[in-house]
Amino acid sequence: MRCLGITSSFDDVTLCDAGADWTAPDLAHVPGDLQTCLAGP
């Protein structure tokens, strides 16, 4: 399972240390490689 951490309460380093694969400030700014995964083939 993969995890997106939203940096509203914790910074990206803390979220990555806790197991987040990606971080973003909100869902409007999801990293490009995650967008590609979500879009599918």
C-alpha atoms as a PDB file:
ATOM      1  CA  MET A   1       0.000   0.000   0.000  1.00  0.00           C
ATOM      2  CA  ARG A   2       1.227   3.501  -0.819  1.00  0.00           C
ATOM      3  CA  CYS A   3       0.550   6.638   1.222  1.00  0.00           C
ATOM      4  CA  LEU A   4       0.149  10.339   0.409  1.00  0.00           C
ATOM      5  CA  GLY A   5       0.825  12.618   3.388  1.00  0.00           C
ATOM      6  CA  ILE A   6      -0.862  16.034   3.446  1.00  0.00           C
ATOM      7  CA  THR A   7       1.363  18.611   5.119  1.00  0.00           C
ATOM      8  CA  SER A   8      -1.405  20.440   6.984  1.00  0.00           C
ATOM      9  CA  SER A   9      -0.276  19.351  10.469  1.00  0.00           C
ATOM     10  CA  PHE A  10       3.189  17.866   9.942  1.00  0.00           C
ATOM     11  CA  ASP A  11       6.063  18.739   7.619  1.00  0.00           C
ATOM     12  CA  ASP A  12       7.134  16.524   4.735  1.00  0.00           C
ATOM     13  CA  VAL A  13      10.159  15.100   6.574  1.00  0.00           C
ATOM     14  CA  THR A  14       7.997  13.965   9.503  1.00  0.00           C
ATOM     15  CA  LEU A  15       5.443  12.407   7.163  1.00  0.00           C
ATOM     16  CA  CYS A  16       8.128  10.598   5.137  1.00  0.00           C
ATOM     17  CA  ASP A  17       9.739   9.349   8.346  1.00  0.00           C
ATOM     18  CA  ALA A  18       6.305   7.974   9.313  1.00  0.00           C
ATOM     19  CA  GLY A  19       6.001   6.127   6.002  1.00  0.00           C
ATOM     20  CA  ALA A  20       4.497   8.529   3.476  1.00  0.00           C
ATOM     21  CA  ASP A  21       5.556   7.780  -0.099  1.00  0.00           C
ATOM     22  CA  TRP A  22       4.564  11.251  -1.289  1.00  0.00           C
ATOM     23  CA  THR A  23       3.717  14.544   0.392  1.00  0.00           C
ATOM     24  CA  ALA A  24       1.688  17.523  -0.777  1.00  0.00           C
ATOM     25  CA  PRO A  25       0.307  20.675   0.832  1.00  0.00           C
ATOM     26  CA  ASP A  26      -3.208  19.754  -0.403  1.00  0.00           C
ATOM     27  CA  LEU A  27      -4.936  17.555  -2.977  1.00  0.00           C
ATOM     28  CA  ALA A  28      -4.656  20.257  -5.643  1.00  0.00           C
ATOM     29  CA  HIS A  29      -0.861  19.835  -5.566  1.00  0.00           C
ATOM     30  CA  VAL A  30      -0.411  16.051  -5.762  1.00  0.00           C
ATOM     31  CA  PRO A  31       3.065  15.126  -7.094  1.00  0.00           C
ATOM     32  CA  GLY A  32       3.177  14.387 -10.832  1.00  0.00           C
ATOM     33  CA  ASP A  33       4.266  10.756 -10.499  1.00  0.00           C
ATOM     34  CA  LEU A  34       1.308  10.084  -8.188  1.00  0.00           C
ATOM     35  CA  GLN A  35      -1.053  11.759 -10.644  1.00  0.00           C
ATOM     36  CA  THR A  36       0.262   9.388 -13.297  1.00  0.00           C
ATOM     37  CA  CYS A  37      -0.356   6.369 -11.034  1.00  0.00           C
ATOM     38  CA  LEU A  38      -3.887   7.538 -10.268  1.00  0.00           C
ATOM     39  CA  ALA A  39      -4.703   8.164 -13.931  1.00  0.00           C
ATOM     40  CA  GLY A  40      -3.927   4.554 -14.783  1.00  0.00           C
ATOM     41  CA  PRO A  41      -3.148   3.129 -18.190  1.00  0.00           C
END
